Amino acid sequence: GGVDLAALPWPEQQKMRAKQMRFLLTRGFAMDVVRQLLP
């Protein structure tokens, strides 16, 4: 299940977003694509 980032406190939002970015980057996605995918 997905996590609603907007429902989390700001520091937790940042942690989750960083985790998602690392996951996508290690899977070969380019940084510009990752930035477009994540809000």
PDB file of N, CA and C in Angstrom:
ATOM      1  N   GLY A   1       0.815  -1.187   0.000  1.00  0.00           N
ATOM      2  CA  GLY A   1       0.000   0.000   0.000  1.00  0.00           C
ATOM      3  C   GLY A   1       0.853   1.241   0.000  1.00  0.00           C
ATOM      4  N   GLY A   2       0.328   2.251  -0.609  1.00  0.00           N
ATOM      5  CA  GLY A   2       1.021   3.521  -0.685  1.00  0.00           C
ATOM      6  C   GLY A   2       0.839   4.345   0.572  1.00  0.00           C
ATOM      7  N   VAL A   3       1.698   5.309   0.715  1.00  0.00           N
ATOM      8  CA  VAL A   3       1.647   6.213   1.857  1.00  0.00           C
ATOM      9  C   VAL A   3       1.280   7.590   1.346  1.00  0.00           C
ATOM     10  N   ASP A   4       0.304   8.224   1.990  1.00  0.00           N
ATOM     11  CA  ASP A   4      -0.083   9.586   1.626  1.00  0.00           C
ATOM     12  C   ASP A   4       0.914  10.546   2.263  1.00  0.00           C
ATOM     13  N   LEU A   5       1.823  11.068   1.459  1.00  0.00           N
ATOM     14  CA  LEU A   5       2.868  11.942   2.002  1.00  0.00           C
ATOM     15  C   LEU A   5       2.290  13.190   2.644  1.00  0.00           C
ATOM     16  N   ALA A   6       1.192  13.693   2.103  1.00  0.00           N
ATOM     17  CA  ALA A   6       0.614  14.923   2.639  1.00  0.00           C
ATOM     18  C   ALA A   6       0.097  14.733   4.065  1.00  0.00           C
ATOM     19  N   ALA A   7      -0.215  13.499   4.450  1.00  0.00           N
ATOM     20  CA  ALA A   7      -0.747  13.233   5.787  1.00  0.00           C
ATOM     21  C   ALA A   7       0.366  13.134   6.839  1.00  0.00           C
ATOM     22  N   LEU A   8       1.609  13.067   6.391  1.00  0.00           N
ATOM     23  CA  LEU A   8       2.735  12.921   7.324  1.00  0.00           C
ATOM     24  C   LEU A   8       3.284  14.280   7.733  1.00  0.00           C
ATOM     25  N   PRO A   9       3.921  14.348   8.907  1.00  0.00           N
ATOM     26  CA  PRO A   9       4.614  15.589   9.294  1.00  0.00           C
ATOM     27  C   PRO A   9       5.751  15.882   8.305  1.00  0.00           C
ATOM     28  N   TRP A  10       6.126  17.134   8.202  1.00  0.00           N
ATOM     29  CA  TRP A  10       7.117  17.563   7.202  1.00  0.00           C
ATOM     30  C   TRP A  10       8.426  16.759   7.244  1.00  0.00           C
ATOM     31  N   PRO A  11       9.047  16.534   8.409  1.00  0.00           N
ATOM     32  CA  PRO A  11      10.308  15.753   8.410  1.00  0.00           C
ATOM     33  C   PRO A  11      10.109  14.334   7.871  1.00  0.00           C
ATOM     34  N   GLU A  12       8.979  13.725   8.186  1.00  0.00           N
ATOM     35  CA  GLU A  12       8.698  12.383   7.688  1.00  0.00           C
ATOM     36  C   GLU A  12       8.461  12.397   6.181  1.00  0.00           C
ATOM     37  N   GLN A  13       7.829  13.456   5.679  1.00  0.00           N
ATOM     38  CA  GLN A  13       7.628  13.601   4.232  1.00  0.00           C
ATOM     39  C   GLN A  13       8.972  13.618   3.521  1.00  0.00           C
ATOM     40  N   GLN A  14       9.911  14.378   4.070  1.00  0.00           N
ATOM     41  CA  GLN A  14      11.236  14.493   3.463  1.00  0.00           C
ATOM     42  C   GLN A  14      11.953  13.147   3.463  1.00  0.00           C
ATOM     43  N   LYS A  15      11.853  12.395   4.556  1.00  0.00           N
ATOM     44  CA  LYS A  15      12.493  11.078   4.636  1.00  0.00           C
ATOM     45  C   LYS A  15      11.921  10.129   3.596  1.00  0.00           C
ATOM     46  N   MET A  16      10.605  10.101   3.483  1.00  0.00           N
ATOM     47  CA  MET A  16       9.953   9.190   2.540  1.00  0.00           C
ATOM     48  C   MET A  16      10.290   9.569   1.092  1.00  0.00           C
ATOM     49  N   ARG A  17      10.292  10.864   0.815  1.00  0.00           N
ATOM     50  CA  ARG A  17      10.607  11.321  -0.547  1.00  0.00           C
ATOM     51  C   ARG A  17      12.047  10.945  -0.906  1.00  0.00           C
ATOM     52  N   ALA A  18      12.971  11.104   0.027  1.00  0.00           N
ATOM     53  CA  ALA A  18      14.372  10.748  -0.221  1.00  0.00           C
ATOM     54  C   ALA A  18      14.508   9.246  -0.455  1.00  0.00           C
ATOM     55  N   LYS A  19      13.779   8.462   0.317  1.00  0.00           N
ATOM     56  CA  LYS A  19      13.816   7.008   0.161  1.00  0.00           C
ATOM     57  C   LYS A  19      13.289   6.603  -1.216  1.00  0.00           C
ATOM     58  N   GLN A  20      12.193   7.221  -1.635  1.00  0.00           N
ATOM     59  CA  GLN A  20      11.628   6.922  -2.948  1.00  0.00           C
ATOM     60  C   GLN A  20      12.591   7.335  -4.063  1.00  0.00           C
ATOM     61  N   MET A  21      13.226   8.489  -3.897  1.00  0.00           N
ATOM     62  CA  MET A  21      14.178   8.955  -4.907  1.00  0.00           C
ATOM     63  C   MET A  21      15.355   7.993  -5.024  1.00  0.00           C
ATOM     64  N   ARG A  22      15.904   7.563  -3.892  1.00  0.00           N
ATOM     65  CA  ARG A  22      17.023   6.612  -3.924  1.00  0.00           C
ATOM     66  C   ARG A  22      16.623   5.317  -4.621  1.00  0.00           C
ATOM     67  N   PHE A  23      15.422   4.828  -4.307  1.00  0.00           N
ATOM     68  CA  PHE A  23      14.938   3.594  -4.915  1.00  0.00           C
ATOM     69  C   PHE A  23      14.889   3.731  -6.440  1.00  0.00           C
ATOM     70  N   LEU A  24      14.278   4.804  -6.924  1.00  0.00           N
ATOM     71  CA  LEU A  24      14.149   4.996  -8.371  1.00  0.00           C
ATOM     72  C   LEU A  24      15.509   5.205  -9.040  1.00  0.00           C
ATOM     73  N   LEU A  25      16.393   5.955  -8.390  1.00  0.00           N
ATOM     74  CA  LEU A  25      17.715   6.205  -8.965  1.00  0.00           C
ATOM     75  C   LEU A  25      18.529   4.923  -9.067  1.00  0.00           C
ATOM     76  N   THR A  26      18.429   4.053  -8.064  1.00  0.00           N
ATOM     77  CA  THR A  26      19.180   2.797  -8.122  1.00  0.00           C
ATOM     78  C   THR A  26      18.592   1.841  -9.144  1.00  0.00           C
ATOM     79  N   ARG A  27      17.350   2.080  -9.568  1.00  0.00           N
ATOM     80  CA  ARG A  27      16.727   1.250 -10.599  1.00  0.00           C
ATOM     81  C   ARG A  27      17.003   1.774 -12.002  1.00  0.00           C
ATOM     82  N   GLY A  28      17.800   2.844 -12.097  1.00  0.00           N
ATOM     83  CA  GLY A  28      18.232   3.330 -13.399  1.00  0.00           C
ATOM     84  C   GLY A  28      17.477   4.516 -13.955  1.00  0.00           C
ATOM     85  N   PHE A  29      16.548   5.075 -13.184  1.00  0.00           N
ATOM     86  CA  PHE A  29      15.831   6.251 -13.659  1.00  0.00           C
ATOM     87  C   PHE A  29      16.732   7.475 -13.557  1.00  0.00           C
ATOM     88  N   ALA A  30      16.624   8.362 -14.511  1.00  0.00           N
ATOM     89  CA  ALA A  30      17.403   9.597 -14.497  1.00  0.00           C
ATOM     90  C   ALA A  30      16.809  10.568 -13.480  1.00  0.00           C
ATOM     91  N   MET A  31      17.654  11.438 -12.927  1.00  0.00           N
ATOM     92  CA  MET A  31      17.210  12.382 -11.898  1.00  0.00           C
ATOM     93  C   MET A  31      16.074  13.270 -12.394  1.00  0.00           C
ATOM     94  N   ASP A  32      16.136  13.721 -13.640  1.00  0.00           N
ATOM     95  CA  ASP A  32      15.060  14.593 -14.132  1.00  0.00           C
ATOM     96  C   ASP A  32      13.730  13.839 -14.209  1.00  0.00           C
ATOM     97  N   VAL A  33      13.765  12.558 -14.518  1.00  0.00           N
ATOM     98  CA  VAL A  33      12.548  11.746 -14.553  1.00  0.00           C
ATOM     99  C   VAL A  33      12.007  11.560 -13.135  1.00  0.00           C
ATOM    100  N   VAL A  34      12.902  11.289 -12.185  1.00  0.00           N
ATOM    101  CA  VAL A  34      12.500  11.086 -10.794  1.00  0.00           C
ATOM    102  C   VAL A  34      11.844  12.359 -10.270  1.00  0.00           C
ATOM    103  N   ARG A  35      12.398  13.508 -10.571  1.00  0.00           N
ATOM    104  CA  ARG A  35      11.825  14.785 -10.106  1.00  0.00           C
ATOM    105  C   ARG A  35      10.430  14.987 -10.659  1.00  0.00           C
ATOM    106  N   GLN A  36      10.191  14.555 -11.892  1.00  0.00           N
ATOM    107  CA  GLN A  36       8.861  14.696 -12.482  1.00  0.00           C
ATOM    108  C   GLN A  36       7.867  13.730 -11.843  1.00  0.00           C
ATOM    109  N   LEU A  37       8.335  12.543 -11.469  1.00  0.00           N
ATOM    110  CA  LEU A  37       7.445  11.538 -10.905  1.00  0.00           C
ATOM    111  C   LEU A  37       7.019  11.851  -9.480  1.00  0.00           C
ATOM    112  N   LEU A  38       7.939  12.360  -8.672  1.00  0.00           N
ATOM    113  CA  LEU A  38       7.644  12.627  -7.267  1.00  0.00           C
ATOM    114  C   LEU A  38       7.157  14.055  -7.098  1.00  0.00           C
ATOM    115  N   PRO A  39       6.108  14.227  -6.295  1.00  0.00           N
ATOM    116  CA  PRO A  39       5.566  15.585  -6.097  1.00  0.00           C
ATOM    117  C   PRO A  39       6.489  16.484  -5.326  1.00  0.00           C
TER     118      PRO A  39
END
